[in-house]
N, C-alpha and C. Protein backbone atom coordinates (compact mmCIF):
# COMPACT_ATOMS: atom_id res chain seq x y z
N MET A 1 138.38 169.17 134.24
CA MET A 1 137.18 168.69 134.91
C MET A 1 137.47 167.31 135.49
N HIS A 2 137.03 167.07 136.71
CA HIS A 2 137.34 165.81 137.39
C HIS A 2 136.07 165.03 137.65
N PHE A 3 136.11 163.74 137.32
CA PHE A 3 134.93 162.88 137.49
C PHE A 3 135.24 161.77 138.48
N ALA A 4 135.31 162.14 139.75
CA ALA A 4 135.75 161.20 140.78
C ALA A 4 134.83 159.98 140.89
N GLN A 5 133.53 160.19 140.89
CA GLN A 5 132.60 159.09 141.12
C GLN A 5 131.96 158.55 139.85
N LEU A 6 132.49 158.92 138.70
CA LEU A 6 131.89 158.51 137.44
C LEU A 6 132.18 157.05 137.15
N PRO A 7 131.12 156.22 136.99
CA PRO A 7 131.37 154.83 136.66
C PRO A 7 131.94 154.69 135.24
N ALA A 8 132.92 153.83 135.10
CA ALA A 8 133.55 153.61 133.80
C ALA A 8 133.75 152.12 133.58
N VAL A 9 133.86 151.75 132.32
CA VAL A 9 134.09 150.36 131.94
C VAL A 9 135.11 150.35 130.80
N ASP A 10 135.96 149.33 130.79
CA ASP A 10 136.91 149.18 129.69
C ASP A 10 136.17 148.82 128.42
N ALA A 11 136.69 149.29 127.28
CA ALA A 11 136.06 149.00 125.99
C ALA A 11 135.91 147.49 125.78
N ALA A 12 136.90 146.73 126.21
CA ALA A 12 136.85 145.28 126.03
C ALA A 12 135.76 144.63 126.87
N ALA A 13 135.29 145.34 127.90
CA ALA A 13 134.30 144.77 128.82
C ALA A 13 132.86 145.15 128.48
N VAL A 14 132.65 145.97 127.45
CA VAL A 14 131.28 146.32 127.05
C VAL A 14 130.65 145.07 126.46
N PRO A 15 129.48 144.66 126.98
CA PRO A 15 128.86 143.44 126.45
C PRO A 15 128.58 143.58 124.95
N SER A 16 128.68 142.48 124.21
CA SER A 16 128.46 142.53 122.76
C SER A 16 127.04 142.99 122.43
N ASP A 17 126.11 142.76 123.35
CA ASP A 17 124.73 143.22 123.13
C ASP A 17 124.44 144.49 123.94
N GLY A 18 125.50 145.12 124.46
CA GLY A 18 125.31 146.33 125.26
C GLY A 18 124.89 147.51 124.40
N PHE A 19 124.22 148.47 125.01
CA PHE A 19 123.77 149.66 124.30
C PHE A 19 124.89 150.68 124.31
N LEU A 20 125.33 151.11 123.12
CA LEU A 20 126.45 152.04 122.98
C LEU A 20 125.95 153.36 122.42
N LEU A 21 126.26 154.45 123.12
CA LEU A 21 125.94 155.80 122.65
C LEU A 21 127.23 156.48 122.24
N ASP A 22 127.35 156.80 120.96
CA ASP A 22 128.55 157.43 120.41
C ASP A 22 128.28 158.92 120.30
N VAL A 23 129.06 159.74 121.03
CA VAL A 23 128.81 161.18 121.08
C VAL A 23 129.83 161.98 120.25
N ARG A 24 130.56 161.29 119.35
CA ARG A 24 131.53 161.98 118.50
C ARG A 24 130.82 162.74 117.39
N GLU A 25 131.57 163.57 116.70
CA GLU A 25 131.03 164.37 115.61
C GLU A 25 130.81 163.50 114.37
N ASN A 26 130.08 164.04 113.39
CA ASN A 26 129.69 163.27 112.21
C ASN A 26 130.88 162.69 111.43
N ASP A 27 131.97 163.47 111.27
CA ASP A 27 133.11 162.97 110.51
C ASP A 27 133.79 161.81 111.23
N GLU A 28 133.84 161.88 112.56
CA GLU A 28 134.43 160.81 113.34
C GLU A 28 133.59 159.54 113.23
N TRP A 29 132.27 159.70 113.31
CA TRP A 29 131.33 158.59 113.21
C TRP A 29 131.46 157.92 111.84
N ALA A 30 131.50 158.73 110.77
CA ALA A 30 131.54 158.20 109.41
C ALA A 30 132.79 157.36 109.17
N ALA A 31 133.92 157.76 109.76
CA ALA A 31 135.19 157.05 109.55
C ALA A 31 135.16 155.65 110.15
N GLY A 32 134.52 155.51 111.31
CA GLY A 32 134.46 154.19 111.95
C GLY A 32 133.70 154.25 113.25
N HIS A 33 132.76 153.31 113.41
CA HIS A 33 131.96 153.25 114.63
C HIS A 33 131.55 151.81 114.90
N ALA A 34 131.05 151.60 116.10
CA ALA A 34 130.57 150.27 116.47
C ALA A 34 129.20 150.04 115.82
N GLU A 35 129.04 148.89 115.21
CA GLU A 35 127.77 148.57 114.56
C GLU A 35 126.67 148.52 115.62
N GLY A 36 125.54 149.14 115.32
CA GLY A 36 124.41 149.13 116.24
C GLY A 36 124.43 150.24 117.27
N ALA A 37 125.49 151.05 117.29
CA ALA A 37 125.56 152.16 118.25
C ALA A 37 124.57 153.25 117.84
N LEU A 38 124.11 154.00 118.82
CA LEU A 38 123.29 155.18 118.55
C LEU A 38 124.23 156.37 118.46
N HIS A 39 124.12 157.14 117.37
CA HIS A 39 124.99 158.30 117.18
C HIS A 39 124.23 159.57 117.52
N LEU A 40 124.63 160.21 118.61
CA LEU A 40 124.10 161.52 119.00
C LEU A 40 125.30 162.39 119.34
N PRO A 41 125.77 163.25 118.42
CA PRO A 41 126.91 164.11 118.75
C PRO A 41 126.65 164.89 120.03
N MET A 42 127.69 165.07 120.82
CA MET A 42 127.56 165.76 122.10
C MET A 42 126.85 167.10 121.93
N SER A 43 127.15 167.80 120.85
CA SER A 43 126.56 169.13 120.62
C SER A 43 125.05 169.06 120.35
N GLU A 44 124.53 167.89 120.00
CA GLU A 44 123.10 167.73 119.69
C GLU A 44 122.36 166.94 120.76
N LEU A 45 123.06 166.50 121.80
CA LEU A 45 122.48 165.58 122.77
C LEU A 45 121.21 166.11 123.43
N VAL A 46 121.26 167.33 123.91
CA VAL A 46 120.10 167.86 124.63
C VAL A 46 118.90 167.98 123.68
N ALA A 47 119.14 168.47 122.46
CA ALA A 47 118.05 168.64 121.49
C ALA A 47 117.45 167.30 121.07
N ARG A 48 118.27 166.25 121.04
CA ARG A 48 117.81 164.95 120.55
C ARG A 48 117.69 163.92 121.68
N TYR A 49 117.58 164.40 122.92
CA TYR A 49 117.56 163.54 124.10
C TYR A 49 116.46 162.48 124.03
N GLY A 50 115.33 162.83 123.44
CA GLY A 50 114.21 161.90 123.34
C GLY A 50 114.56 160.64 122.57
N GLU A 51 115.45 160.75 121.59
CA GLU A 51 115.88 159.58 120.82
C GLU A 51 116.58 158.58 121.74
N LEU A 52 117.35 159.10 122.68
CA LEU A 52 118.07 158.24 123.61
C LEU A 52 117.11 157.59 124.60
N THR A 53 116.24 158.39 125.21
CA THR A 53 115.34 157.83 126.22
C THR A 53 114.40 156.80 125.60
N GLU A 54 114.03 157.00 124.35
CA GLU A 54 113.19 156.03 123.65
C GLU A 54 113.96 154.73 123.42
N ALA A 55 115.24 154.85 123.09
CA ALA A 55 116.07 153.68 122.81
C ALA A 55 116.37 152.85 124.05
N VAL A 56 116.38 153.50 125.21
CA VAL A 56 116.67 152.77 126.45
C VAL A 56 115.48 152.78 127.40
N ALA A 57 114.28 152.77 126.83
CA ALA A 57 113.06 152.78 127.64
C ALA A 57 112.99 151.55 128.55
N ASP A 58 113.71 150.49 128.18
CA ASP A 58 113.71 149.27 129.00
C ASP A 58 114.65 149.38 130.19
N GLY A 59 115.29 150.54 130.35
CA GLY A 59 116.13 150.77 131.52
C GLY A 59 117.53 150.20 131.42
N ARG A 60 117.93 149.74 130.22
CA ARG A 60 119.26 149.16 130.13
C ARG A 60 120.36 150.21 130.23
N ARG A 61 121.54 149.74 130.55
CA ARG A 61 122.70 150.61 130.75
C ARG A 61 123.14 151.26 129.44
N VAL A 62 123.52 152.53 129.53
CA VAL A 62 124.03 153.27 128.38
C VAL A 62 125.55 153.34 128.51
N HIS A 63 126.26 152.76 127.54
CA HIS A 63 127.72 152.84 127.49
C HIS A 63 128.05 154.01 126.58
N VAL A 64 128.60 155.09 127.16
CA VAL A 64 128.86 156.31 126.40
C VAL A 64 130.31 156.32 125.93
N VAL A 65 130.48 156.60 124.62
CA VAL A 65 131.83 156.55 124.05
C VAL A 65 132.09 157.77 123.17
N CYS A 66 133.34 158.24 123.18
CA CYS A 66 133.80 159.27 122.24
C CYS A 66 135.15 158.78 121.71
N ARG A 67 136.06 159.66 121.38
CA ARG A 67 137.35 159.22 120.83
C ARG A 67 138.27 158.68 121.92
N VAL A 68 138.44 159.44 123.00
CA VAL A 68 139.36 159.02 124.06
C VAL A 68 138.72 158.96 125.45
N GLY A 69 137.52 159.48 125.62
CA GLY A 69 136.85 159.37 126.90
C GLY A 69 136.51 160.67 127.60
N GLY A 70 136.92 161.82 127.06
CA GLY A 70 136.64 163.11 127.69
C GLY A 70 135.21 163.58 127.50
N ARG A 71 134.78 163.66 126.25
CA ARG A 71 133.41 164.10 125.96
C ARG A 71 132.40 163.10 126.53
N SER A 72 132.72 161.82 126.39
CA SER A 72 131.77 160.81 126.88
C SER A 72 131.65 160.86 128.40
N ALA A 73 132.71 161.23 129.09
CA ALA A 73 132.63 161.36 130.55
C ALA A 73 131.65 162.47 130.92
N GLN A 74 131.71 163.58 130.20
CA GLN A 74 130.78 164.68 130.47
C GLN A 74 129.34 164.26 130.19
N VAL A 75 129.13 163.54 129.08
CA VAL A 75 127.79 163.10 128.71
C VAL A 75 127.28 162.06 129.71
N ALA A 76 128.14 161.12 130.11
CA ALA A 76 127.72 160.10 131.08
C ALA A 76 127.30 160.77 132.39
N GLN A 77 128.07 161.76 132.81
CA GLN A 77 127.73 162.46 134.05
C GLN A 77 126.36 163.15 133.91
N TYR A 78 126.11 163.76 132.76
CA TYR A 78 124.82 164.40 132.49
C TYR A 78 123.69 163.38 132.54
N LEU A 79 123.89 162.23 131.88
CA LEU A 79 122.84 161.21 131.82
C LEU A 79 122.53 160.64 133.20
N ILE A 80 123.58 160.43 134.00
CA ILE A 80 123.38 159.96 135.37
C ILE A 80 122.54 160.98 136.14
N GLY A 81 122.83 162.27 135.91
CA GLY A 81 122.05 163.33 136.54
C GLY A 81 120.58 163.33 136.12
N GLN A 82 120.32 162.76 134.92
CA GLN A 82 118.95 162.65 134.43
C GLN A 82 118.28 161.35 134.88
N GLY A 83 119.01 160.57 135.66
CA GLY A 83 118.44 159.33 136.20
C GLY A 83 118.66 158.09 135.36
N LEU A 84 119.51 158.19 134.33
CA LEU A 84 119.78 157.01 133.51
C LEU A 84 120.96 156.22 134.08
N ASP A 85 121.00 154.94 133.78
CA ASP A 85 122.12 154.08 134.15
C ASP A 85 123.16 154.22 133.05
N ALA A 86 124.15 155.10 133.26
CA ALA A 86 125.15 155.39 132.23
C ALA A 86 126.55 155.16 132.77
N VAL A 87 127.43 154.68 131.88
CA VAL A 87 128.84 154.50 132.22
C VAL A 87 129.69 155.04 131.08
N ASN A 88 130.86 155.53 131.43
CA ASN A 88 131.80 156.03 130.44
C ASN A 88 132.65 154.86 129.94
N VAL A 89 132.85 154.77 128.62
CA VAL A 89 133.75 153.76 128.07
C VAL A 89 135.16 154.32 128.15
N ASP A 90 135.95 153.77 129.06
CA ASP A 90 137.29 154.25 129.34
C ASP A 90 138.18 154.11 128.11
N GLY A 91 138.82 155.20 127.70
CA GLY A 91 139.71 155.16 126.55
C GLY A 91 139.01 155.34 125.21
N GLY A 92 137.68 155.39 125.23
CA GLY A 92 136.90 155.70 124.04
C GLY A 92 137.08 154.73 122.88
N MET A 93 136.81 155.24 121.68
CA MET A 93 136.88 154.41 120.48
C MET A 93 138.30 153.98 120.15
N LEU A 94 139.31 154.74 120.61
CA LEU A 94 140.69 154.30 120.41
C LEU A 94 140.93 153.00 121.17
N ALA A 95 140.40 152.92 122.40
CA ALA A 95 140.53 151.69 123.19
C ALA A 95 139.67 150.58 122.59
N TRP A 96 138.51 150.94 122.05
CA TRP A 96 137.62 149.98 121.40
C TRP A 96 138.37 149.30 120.24
N GLU A 97 138.98 150.14 119.40
CA GLU A 97 139.73 149.63 118.24
C GLU A 97 140.92 148.79 118.70
N ALA A 98 141.65 149.27 119.71
CA ALA A 98 142.82 148.57 120.22
C ALA A 98 142.45 147.21 120.82
N ALA A 99 141.24 147.11 121.36
CA ALA A 99 140.78 145.86 121.96
C ALA A 99 140.29 144.87 120.90
N GLY A 100 140.32 145.30 119.64
CA GLY A 100 139.89 144.42 118.57
C GLY A 100 138.38 144.33 118.41
N ARG A 101 137.67 145.29 119.00
CA ARG A 101 136.21 145.29 118.85
C ARG A 101 135.86 145.72 117.43
N PRO A 102 134.76 145.20 116.86
CA PRO A 102 134.45 145.48 115.46
C PRO A 102 134.07 146.93 115.19
N LEU A 103 134.45 147.41 114.01
CA LEU A 103 134.14 148.76 113.54
C LEU A 103 133.54 148.68 112.15
N VAL A 104 132.62 149.59 111.85
CA VAL A 104 132.09 149.73 110.49
C VAL A 104 132.21 151.19 110.10
N ALA A 105 132.29 151.43 108.79
CA ALA A 105 132.37 152.80 108.26
C ALA A 105 131.17 153.07 107.38
N ASP A 106 130.71 154.31 107.35
CA ASP A 106 129.57 154.68 106.49
C ASP A 106 129.86 154.41 105.02
N SER A 107 131.13 154.52 104.63
CA SER A 107 131.50 154.37 103.22
C SER A 107 131.52 152.92 102.76
N GLY A 108 131.53 151.99 103.72
CA GLY A 108 131.66 150.59 103.39
C GLY A 108 133.12 150.18 103.23
N GLU A 109 134.03 151.15 103.32
CA GLU A 109 135.47 150.87 103.21
C GLU A 109 136.02 150.50 104.58
N GLN A 110 137.32 150.32 104.65
CA GLN A 110 137.97 149.95 105.91
C GLN A 110 137.68 151.02 106.97
N ALA A 111 137.14 150.59 108.10
CA ALA A 111 136.80 151.52 109.18
C ALA A 111 138.02 151.81 110.03
N PHE A 112 138.08 153.02 110.57
CA PHE A 112 139.16 153.40 111.47
C PHE A 112 138.65 154.48 112.41
N VAL A 113 139.36 154.69 113.51
CA VAL A 113 138.98 155.74 114.45
C VAL A 113 139.70 157.01 114.07
N LEU A 114 138.92 158.05 113.79
CA LEU A 114 139.45 159.35 113.38
C LEU A 114 139.85 160.15 114.59
């Protein structure tokens, strides 16, 4: 699948107060995620779409992230089609971790990208 016109941003360039939507699966999220991110697995996005629109009712940009950027690209494209201001986080959570951005784990132990 090719996303020629899909807006993307480097993980290091996501504002610290930016809105992050993590579309990875539950086990990936539990291992390590960005604090304050909204977790909506890609497989549940349509069913739980209202949670997202409620969270960004102020019209702020949605930074969509997965592990490497494939799933999030599909979700960002969908969200743009729904009229939201969405961008794909290039390189996903692997790039987030590599850029030294903070991670937290559900277990309270050392967080990592699964």
